[in-house]
Amino acid sequence: EVDLLERTLSAGCAVQNLLLAATAQGYGSALTSGKGLKATAVRDLFGLGPGEHAVCFVSLGTPTRAPAPRARPEPEDFTRVLGR
């Protein structure tokens, strides 16, 4: 059996690759997660058993407008060089 952490990281990588591929093909994409994924109705809908977990919802489609620009932090705001 593959460790839960490794499976979770692999799922995250797969989702990121799906989002990047959709963007490269000109589609809009979004990832949604949160408490709703743990709801009994959602778990039942997807037939999840007691040790299984939904990771996220992925929405894909054709964008109707460009996303609004948003402020992004500078890399220096959240990174540092070890040893300095």
PDB file of N, CA and C in Angstrom:
ATOM      1  N   GLU A   1       0.847  -1.188   0.000  1.00  0.00           N
ATOM      2  CA  GLU A   1       0.000   0.000   0.000  1.00  0.00           C
ATOM      3  C   GLU A   1       0.883   1.238   0.000  1.00  0.00           C
ATOM      4  N   VAL A   2       0.485   2.232  -0.778  1.00  0.00           N
ATOM      5  CA  VAL A   2       1.227   3.486  -0.871  1.00  0.00           C
ATOM      6  C   VAL A   2       0.803   4.397   0.280  1.00  0.00           C
ATOM      7  N   ASP A   3       1.764   5.038   0.907  1.00  0.00           N
ATOM      8  CA  ASP A   3       1.537   5.926   2.040  1.00  0.00           C
ATOM      9  C   ASP A   3       0.543   7.040   1.682  1.00  0.00           C
ATOM     10  N   LEU A   4      -0.307   7.430   2.648  1.00  0.00           N
ATOM     11  CA  LEU A   4      -1.329   8.456   2.428  1.00  0.00           C
ATOM     12  C   LEU A   4      -0.717   9.774   1.976  1.00  0.00           C
ATOM     13  N   LEU A   5       0.382  10.180   2.576  1.00  0.00           N
ATOM     14  CA  LEU A   5       1.012  11.437   2.187  1.00  0.00           C
ATOM     15  C   LEU A   5       1.457  11.395   0.729  1.00  0.00           C
ATOM     16  N   GLU A   6       2.049  10.291   0.308  1.00  0.00           N
ATOM     17  CA  GLU A   6       2.487  10.168  -1.086  1.00  0.00           C
ATOM     18  C   GLU A   6       1.300  10.188  -2.038  1.00  0.00           C
ATOM     19  N   ARG A   7       0.226   9.510  -1.671  1.00  0.00           N
ATOM     20  CA  ARG A   7      -0.975   9.519  -2.516  1.00  0.00           C
ATOM     21  C   ARG A   7      -1.576  10.920  -2.605  1.00  0.00           C
ATOM     22  N   THR A   8      -1.567  11.644  -1.484  1.00  0.00           N
ATOM     23  CA  THR A   8      -2.125  12.993  -1.473  1.00  0.00           C
ATOM     24  C   THR A   8      -1.297  13.928  -2.341  1.00  0.00           C
ATOM     25  N   LEU A   9       0.027  13.859  -2.217  1.00  0.00           N
ATOM     26  CA  LEU A   9       0.899  14.684  -3.053  1.00  0.00           C
ATOM     27  C   LEU A   9       0.732  14.355  -4.530  1.00  0.00           C
ATOM     28  N   SER A  10       0.602  13.079  -4.844  1.00  0.00           N
ATOM     29  CA  SER A  10       0.408  12.661  -6.235  1.00  0.00           C
ATOM     30  C   SER A  10      -0.906  13.189  -6.786  1.00  0.00           C
ATOM     31  N   ALA A  11      -1.952  13.159  -5.967  1.00  0.00           N
ATOM     32  CA  ALA A  11      -3.249  13.695  -6.403  1.00  0.00           C
ATOM     33  C   ALA A  11      -3.138  15.192  -6.672  1.00  0.00           C
ATOM     34  N   GLY A  12      -2.437  15.918  -5.791  1.00  0.00           N
ATOM     35  CA  GLY A  12      -2.246  17.350  -5.999  1.00  0.00           C
ATOM     36  C   GLY A  12      -1.487  17.650  -7.282  1.00  0.00           C
ATOM     37  N   CYS A  13      -0.461  16.860  -7.563  1.00  0.00           N
ATOM     38  CA  CYS A  13       0.307  17.034  -8.802  1.00  0.00           C
ATOM     39  C   CYS A  13      -0.565  16.766 -10.025  1.00  0.00           C
ATOM     40  N   ALA A  14      -1.382  15.729  -9.953  1.00  0.00           N
ATOM     41  CA  ALA A  14      -2.262  15.394 -11.080  1.00  0.00           C
ATOM     42  C   ALA A  14      -3.262  16.512 -11.334  1.00  0.00           C
ATOM     43  N   VAL A  15      -3.839  17.055 -10.274  1.00  0.00           N
ATOM     44  CA  VAL A  15      -4.810  18.147 -10.425  1.00  0.00           C
ATOM     45  C   VAL A  15      -4.118  19.375 -11.011  1.00  0.00           C
ATOM     46  N   GLN A  16      -2.936  19.720 -10.519  1.00  0.00           N
ATOM     47  CA  GLN A  16      -2.210  20.873 -11.054  1.00  0.00           C
ATOM     48  C   GLN A  16      -1.909  20.685 -12.537  1.00  0.00           C
ATOM     49  N   ASN A  17      -1.497  19.488 -12.930  1.00  0.00           N
ATOM     50  CA  ASN A  17      -1.229  19.228 -14.343  1.00  0.00           C
ATOM     51  C   ASN A  17      -2.493  19.359 -15.182  1.00  0.00           C
ATOM     52  N   LEU A  18      -3.623  18.914 -14.654  1.00  0.00           N
ATOM     53  CA  LEU A  18      -4.895  19.066 -15.365  1.00  0.00           C
ATOM     54  C   LEU A  18      -5.228  20.546 -15.558  1.00  0.00           C
ATOM     55  N   LEU A  19      -5.059  21.358 -14.500  1.00  0.00           N
ATOM     56  CA  LEU A  19      -5.339  22.788 -14.605  1.00  0.00           C
ATOM     57  C   LEU A  19      -4.403  23.468 -15.604  1.00  0.00           C
ATOM     58  N   LEU A  20      -3.117  23.116 -15.563  1.00  0.00           N
ATOM     59  CA  LEU A  20      -2.154  23.695 -16.512  1.00  0.00           C
ATOM     60  C   LEU A  20      -2.458  23.290 -17.944  1.00  0.00           C
ATOM     61  N   ALA A  21      -2.824  22.026 -18.157  1.00  0.00           N
ATOM     62  CA  ALA A  21      -3.164  21.559 -19.505  1.00  0.00           C
ATOM     63  C   ALA A  21      -4.402  22.274 -20.033  1.00  0.00           C
ATOM     64  N   ALA A  22      -5.402  22.463 -19.180  1.00  0.00           N
ATOM     65  CA  ALA A  22      -6.613  23.168 -19.599  1.00  0.00           C
ATOM     66  C   ALA A  22      -6.280  24.601 -20.003  1.00  0.00           C
ATOM     67  N   THR A  23      -5.470  25.262 -19.203  1.00  0.00           N
ATOM     68  CA  THR A  23      -5.072  26.638 -19.512  1.00  0.00           C
ATOM     69  C   THR A  23      -4.301  26.700 -20.824  1.00  0.00           C
ATOM     70  N   ALA A  24      -3.397  25.763 -21.033  1.00  0.00           N
ATOM     71  CA  ALA A  24      -2.602  25.728 -22.266  1.00  0.00           C
ATOM     72  C   ALA A  24      -3.484  25.538 -23.496  1.00  0.00           C
ATOM     73  N   GLN A  25      -4.620  24.878 -23.320  1.00  0.00           N
ATOM     74  CA  GLN A  25      -5.543  24.646 -24.437  1.00  0.00           C
ATOM     75  C   GLN A  25      -6.565  25.774 -24.584  1.00  0.00           C
ATOM     76  N   GLY A  26      -6.464  26.801 -23.734  1.00  0.00           N
ATOM     77  CA  GLY A  26      -7.351  27.954 -23.838  1.00  0.00           C
ATOM     78  C   GLY A  26      -8.619  27.863 -23.006  1.00  0.00           C
ATOM     79  N   TYR A  27      -8.707  26.891 -22.141  1.00  0.00           N
ATOM     80  CA  TYR A  27      -9.885  26.750 -21.284  1.00  0.00           C
ATOM     81  C   TYR A  27      -9.654  27.460 -19.957  1.00  0.00           C
ATOM     82  N   GLY A  28     -10.745  27.807 -19.323  1.00  0.00           N
ATOM     83  CA  GLY A  28     -10.676  28.327 -17.968  1.00  0.00           C
ATOM     84  C   GLY A  28     -10.758  27.141 -17.021  1.00  0.00           C
ATOM     85  N   SER A  29     -10.129  27.260 -15.876  1.00  0.00           N
ATOM     86  CA  SER A  29     -10.178  26.161 -14.918  1.00  0.00           C
ATOM     87  C   SER A  29     -10.127  26.717 -13.504  1.00  0.00           C
ATOM     88  N   ALA A  30     -10.696  25.963 -12.591  1.00  0.00           N
ATOM     89  CA  ALA A  30     -10.693  26.371 -11.192  1.00  0.00           C
ATOM     90  C   ALA A  30     -10.751  25.140 -10.316  1.00  0.00           C
ATOM     91  N   LEU A  31     -10.156  25.257  -9.155  1.00  0.00           N
ATOM     92  CA  LEU A  31     -10.162  24.194  -8.164  1.00  0.00           C
ATOM     93  C   LEU A  31     -10.974  24.692  -6.974  1.00  0.00           C
ATOM     94  N   THR A  32     -11.870  23.867  -6.476  1.00  0.00           N
ATOM     95  CA  THR A  32     -12.664  24.210  -5.301  1.00  0.00           C
ATOM     96  C   THR A  32     -12.531  23.094  -4.285  1.00  0.00           C
ATOM     97  N   SER A  33     -12.308  23.460  -3.040  1.00  0.00           N
ATOM     98  CA  SER A  33     -12.238  22.457  -1.981  1.00  0.00           C
ATOM     99  C   SER A  33     -12.876  23.045  -0.736  1.00  0.00           C
ATOM    100  N   GLY A  34     -12.822  22.327   0.346  1.00  0.00           N
ATOM    101  CA  GLY A  34     -13.361  22.852   1.588  1.00  0.00           C
ATOM    102  C   GLY A  34     -14.250  21.853   2.300  1.00  0.00           C
ATOM    103  N   LYS A  35     -14.972  22.368   3.268  1.00  0.00           N
ATOM    104  CA  LYS A  35     -15.802  21.522   4.123  1.00  0.00           C
ATOM    105  C   LYS A  35     -16.874  20.763   3.352  1.00  0.00           C
ATOM    106  N   GLY A  36     -17.357  21.326   2.258  1.00  0.00           N
ATOM    107  CA  GLY A  36     -18.409  20.672   1.486  1.00  0.00           C
ATOM    108  C   GLY A  36     -18.025  19.282   1.009  1.00  0.00           C
ATOM    109  N   LEU A  37     -16.739  19.053   0.788  1.00  0.00           N
ATOM    110  CA  LEU A  37     -16.279  17.746   0.329  1.00  0.00           C
ATOM    111  C   LEU A  37     -16.418  16.675   1.402  1.00  0.00           C
ATOM    112  N   LYS A  38     -16.565  17.110   2.659  1.00  0.00           N
ATOM    113  CA  LYS A  38     -16.712  16.155   3.761  1.00  0.00           C
ATOM    114  C   LYS A  38     -18.176  15.892   4.106  1.00  0.00           C
ATOM    115  N   ALA A  39     -19.084  16.614   3.445  1.00  0.00           N
ATOM    116  CA  ALA A  39     -20.507  16.475   3.730  1.00  0.00           C
ATOM    117  C   ALA A  39     -20.983  15.061   3.388  1.00  0.00           C
ATOM    118  N   THR A  40     -21.867  14.531   4.192  1.00  0.00           N
ATOM    119  CA  THR A  40     -22.389  13.179   3.989  1.00  0.00           C
ATOM    120  C   THR A  40     -23.025  13.034   2.612  1.00  0.00           C
ATOM    121  N   ALA A  41     -23.775  14.045   2.177  1.00  0.00           N
ATOM    122  CA  ALA A  41     -24.442  13.971   0.869  1.00  0.00           C
ATOM    123  C   ALA A  41     -23.428  13.840  -0.269  1.00  0.00           C
ATOM    124  N   VAL A  42     -22.330  14.580  -0.184  1.00  0.00           N
ATOM    125  CA  VAL A  42     -21.287  14.515  -1.222  1.00  0.00           C
ATOM    126  C   VAL A  42     -20.586  13.162  -1.163  1.00  0.00           C
ATOM    127  N   ARG A  43     -20.261  12.717   0.033  1.00  0.00           N
ATOM    128  CA  ARG A  43     -19.594  11.414   0.186  1.00  0.00           C
ATOM    129  C   ARG A  43     -20.473  10.300  -0.370  1.00  0.00           C
ATOM    130  N   ASP A  44     -21.763  10.368  -0.079  1.00  0.00           N
ATOM    131  CA  ASP A  44     -22.695   9.365  -0.591  1.00  0.00           C
ATOM    132  C   ASP A  44     -22.812   9.441  -2.115  1.00  0.00           C
ATOM    133  N   LEU A  45     -22.874  10.672  -2.652  1.00  0.00           N
ATOM    134  CA  LEU A  45     -23.005  10.859  -4.094  1.00  0.00           C
ATOM    135  C   LEU A  45     -21.856  10.183  -4.845  1.00  0.00           C
ATOM    136  N   PHE A  46     -20.641  10.303  -4.314  1.00  0.00           N
ATOM    137  CA  PHE A  46     -19.478   9.721  -4.967  1.00  0.00           C
ATOM    138  C   PHE A  46     -19.157   8.313  -4.478  1.00  0.00           C
ATOM    139  N   GLY A  47     -19.966   7.797  -3.564  1.00  0.00           N
ATOM    140  CA  GLY A  47     -19.760   6.434  -3.079  1.00  0.00           C
ATOM    141  C   GLY A  47     -18.465   6.263  -2.304  1.00  0.00           C
ATOM    142  N   LEU A  48     -18.083   7.281  -1.534  1.00  0.00           N
ATOM    143  CA  LEU A  48     -16.838   7.202  -0.779  1.00  0.00           C
ATOM    144  C   LEU A  48     -17.021   6.353   0.468  1.00  0.00           C
ATOM    145  N   GLY A  49     -16.063   5.487   0.674  1.00  0.00           N
ATOM    146  CA  GLY A  49     -16.096   4.616   1.833  1.00  0.00           C
ATOM    147  C   GLY A  49     -15.381   5.226   3.012  1.00  0.00           C
ATOM    148  N   PRO A  50     -15.364   4.576   4.177  1.00  0.00           N
ATOM    149  CA  PRO A  50     -14.723   5.127   5.370  1.00  0.00           C
ATOM    150  C   PRO A  50     -13.248   5.511   5.256  1.00  0.00           C
ATOM    151  N   GLY A  51     -12.375   5.275   4.658  1.00  0.00           N
ATOM    152  CA  GLY A  51     -10.982   5.722   4.525  1.00  0.00           C
ATOM    153  C   GLY A  51     -10.727   6.464   3.242  1.00  0.00           C
ATOM    154  N   GLU A  52     -11.809   6.806   2.493  1.00  0.00           N
ATOM    155  CA  GLU A  52     -11.630   7.502   1.213  1.00  0.00           C
ATOM    156  C   GLU A  52     -11.992   8.979   1.368  1.00  0.00           C
ATOM    157  N   HIS A  53     -11.331   9.809   0.584  1.00  0.00           N
ATOM    158  CA  HIS A  53     -11.527  11.256   0.698  1.00  0.00           C
ATOM    159  C   HIS A  53     -11.612  11.891  -0.687  1.00  0.00           C
ATOM    160  N   ALA A  54     -12.525  12.839  -0.829  1.00  0.00           N
ATOM    161  CA  ALA A  54     -12.568  13.662  -2.038  1.00  0.00           C
ATOM    162  C   ALA A  54     -11.509  14.750  -1.875  1.00  0.00           C
ATOM    163  N   VAL A  55     -10.733  14.989  -2.894  1.00  0.00           N
ATOM    164  CA  VAL A  55      -9.662  15.973  -2.807  1.00  0.00           C
ATOM    165  C   VAL A  55     -10.173  17.366  -3.158  1.00  0.00           C
ATOM    166  N   CYS A  56     -10.895  17.486  -4.274  1.00  0.00           N
ATOM    167  CA  CYS A  56     -11.382  18.786  -4.718  1.00  0.00           C
ATOM    168  C   CYS A  56     -12.363  18.597  -5.867  1.00  0.00           C
ATOM    169  N   PHE A  57     -13.007  19.687  -6.230  1.00  0.00           N
ATOM    170  CA  PHE A  57     -13.789  19.749  -7.462  1.00  0.00           C
ATOM    171  C   PHE A  57     -12.946  20.509  -8.470  1.00  0.00           C
ATOM    172  N   VAL A  58     -12.937  20.065  -9.712  1.00  0.00           N
ATOM    173  CA  VAL A  58     -12.250  20.787 -10.774  1.00  0.00           C
ATOM    174  C   VAL A  58     -13.307  21.241 -11.771  1.00  0.00           C
ATOM    175  N   SER A  59     -13.354  22.539 -11.998  1.00  0.00           N
ATOM    176  CA  SER A  59     -14.288  23.107 -12.968  1.00  0.00           C
ATOM    177  C   SER A  59     -13.513  23.514 -14.213  1.00  0.00           C
ATOM    178  N   LEU A  60     -13.994  23.100 -15.360  1.00  0.00           N
ATOM    179  CA  LEU A  60     -13.366  23.441 -16.642  1.00  0.00           C
ATOM    180  C   LEU A  60     -14.418  24.045 -17.549  1.00  0.00           C
ATOM    181  N   GLY A  61     -14.029  25.023 -18.357  1.00  0.00           N
ATOM    182  CA  GLY A  61     -14.986  25.607 -19.282  1.00  0.00           C
ATOM    183  C   GLY A  61     -14.337  26.658 -20.152  1.00  0.00           C
ATOM    184  N   THR A  62     -15.166  27.337 -20.915  1.00  0.00           N
ATOM    185  CA  THR A  62     -14.702  28.396 -21.797  1.00  0.00           C
ATOM    186  C   THR A  62     -14.910  29.730 -21.090  1.00  0.00           C
ATOM    187  N   PRO A  63     -13.842  30.484 -20.860  1.00  0.00           N
ATOM    188  CA  PRO A  63     -14.008  31.759 -20.165  1.00  0.00           C
ATOM    189  C   PRO A  63     -14.779  32.762 -21.017  1.00  0.00           C
ATOM    190  N   THR A  64     -15.627  33.536 -20.373  1.00  0.00           N
ATOM    191  CA  THR A  64     -16.389  34.565 -21.089  1.00  0.00           C
ATOM    192  C   THR A  64     -15.748  35.935 -20.949  1.00  0.00           C
ATOM    193  N   ARG A  65     -14.824  36.081 -19.989  1.00  0.00           N
ATOM    194  CA  ARG A  65     -14.081  37.325 -19.811  1.00  0.00           C
ATOM    195  C   ARG A  65     -12.748  37.015 -19.133  1.00  0.00           C
ATOM    196  N   ALA A  66     -11.834  37.934 -19.282  1.00  0.00           N
ATOM    197  CA  ALA A  66     -10.518  37.761 -18.651  1.00  0.00           C
ATOM    198  C   ALA A  66     -10.653  37.970 -17.143  1.00  0.00           C
ATOM    199  N   PRO A  67      -9.888  37.237 -16.352  1.00  0.00           N
ATOM    200  CA  PRO A  67      -9.952  37.448 -14.903  1.00  0.00           C
ATOM    201  C   PRO A  67      -9.431  38.830 -14.520  1.00  0.00           C
ATOM    202  N   ALA A  68      -9.991  39.374 -13.467  1.00  0.00           N
ATOM    203  CA  ALA A  68      -9.535  40.684 -12.985  1.00  0.00           C
ATOM    204  C   ALA A  68      -8.112  40.553 -12.440  1.00  0.00           C
ATOM    205  N   PRO A  69      -7.261  41.529 -12.723  1.00  0.00           N
ATOM    206  CA  PRO A  69      -5.901  41.461 -12.182  1.00  0.00           C
ATOM    207  C   PRO A  69      -5.951  41.551 -10.662  1.00  0.00           C
ATOM    208  N   ARG A  70      -5.005  40.893 -10.013  1.00  0.00           N
ATOM    209  CA  ARG A  70      -4.954  40.963  -8.558  1.00  0.00           C
ATOM    210  C   ARG A  70      -3.514  41.174  -8.113  1.00  0.00           C
ATOM    211  N   ALA A  71      -3.388  41.779  -6.952  1.00  0.00           N
ATOM    212  CA  ALA A  71      -2.059  42.060  -6.411  1.00  0.00           C
ATOM    213  C   ALA A  71      -1.374  40.751  -6.040  1.00  0.00           C
ATOM    214  N   ARG A  72      -0.133  40.639  -6.392  1.00  0.00           N
ATOM    215  CA  ARG A  72       0.653  39.448  -6.072  1.00  0.00           C
ATOM    216  C   ARG A  72       1.857  39.866  -5.239  1.00  0.00           C
ATOM    217  N   PRO A  73       2.203  39.072  -4.236  1.00  0.00           N
ATOM    218  CA  PRO A  73       3.373  39.425  -3.427  1.00  0.00           C
ATOM    219  C   PRO A  73       4.663  39.225  -4.222  1.00  0.00           C
ATOM    220  N   GLU A  74       5.670  39.943  -3.814  1.00  0.00           N
ATOM    221  CA  GLU A  74       6.991  39.758  -4.394  1.00  0.00           C
ATOM    222  C   GLU A  74       7.603  38.501  -3.770  1.00  0.00           C
ATOM    223  N   PRO A  75       8.370  37.718  -4.529  1.00  0.00           N
ATOM    224  CA  PRO A  75       8.986  36.512  -3.956  1.00  0.00           C
ATOM    225  C   PRO A  75       9.776  36.797  -2.679  1.00  0.00           C
ATOM    226  N   GLU A  76      10.426  37.952  -2.602  1.00  0.00           N
ATOM    227  CA  GLU A  76      11.211  38.302  -1.423  1.00  0.00           C
ATOM    228  C   GLU A  76      10.337  38.445  -0.169  1.00  0.00           C
ATOM    229  N   ASP A  77       9.024  38.639  -0.359  1.00  0.00           N
ATOM    230  CA  ASP A  77       8.113  38.785   0.779  1.00  0.00           C
ATOM    231  C   ASP A  77       7.894  37.469   1.528  1.00  0.00           C
ATOM    232  N   PHE A  78       8.162  36.348   0.868  1.00  0.00           N
ATOM    233  CA  PHE A  78       7.888  35.067   1.532  1.00  0.00           C
ATOM    234  C   PHE A  78       8.975  34.015   1.318  1.00  0.00           C
ATOM    235  N   THR A  79      10.127  34.413   0.822  1.00  0.00           N
ATOM    236  CA  THR A  79      11.235  33.473   0.655  1.00  0.00           C
ATOM    237  C   THR A  79      12.501  34.068   1.276  1.00  0.00           C
ATOM    238  N   ARG A  80      13.462  33.196   1.513  1.00  0.00           N
ATOM    239  CA  ARG A  80      14.772  33.656   1.986  1.00  0.00           C
ATOM    240  C   ARG A  80      15.810  32.653   1.526  1.00  0.00           C
ATOM    241  N   VAL A  81      17.051  33.056   1.553  1.00  0.00           N
ATOM    242  CA  VAL A  81      18.176  32.202   1.188  1.00  0.00           C
ATOM    243  C   VAL A  81      18.754  31.633   2.471  1.00  0.00           C
ATOM    244  N   LEU A  82      18.905  30.319   2.534  1.00  0.00           N
ATOM    245  CA  LEU A  82      19.485  29.706   3.721  1.00  0.00           C
ATOM    246  C   LEU A  82      20.922  30.174   3.912  1.00  0.00           C
ATOM    247  N   GLY A  83      21.275  30.395   5.165  1.00  0.00           N
ATOM    248  CA  GLY A  83      22.648  30.792   5.470  1.00  0.00           C
ATOM    249  C   GLY A  83      22.864  32.287   5.472  1.00  0.00           C
ATOM    250  N   ARG A  84      21.856  33.053   5.169  1.00  0.00           N
ATOM    251  CA  ARG A  84      22.015  34.521   5.181  1.00  0.00           C
ATOM    252  C   ARG A  84      21.325  35.104   6.381  1.00  0.00           C
TER     253      ARG A  84
END
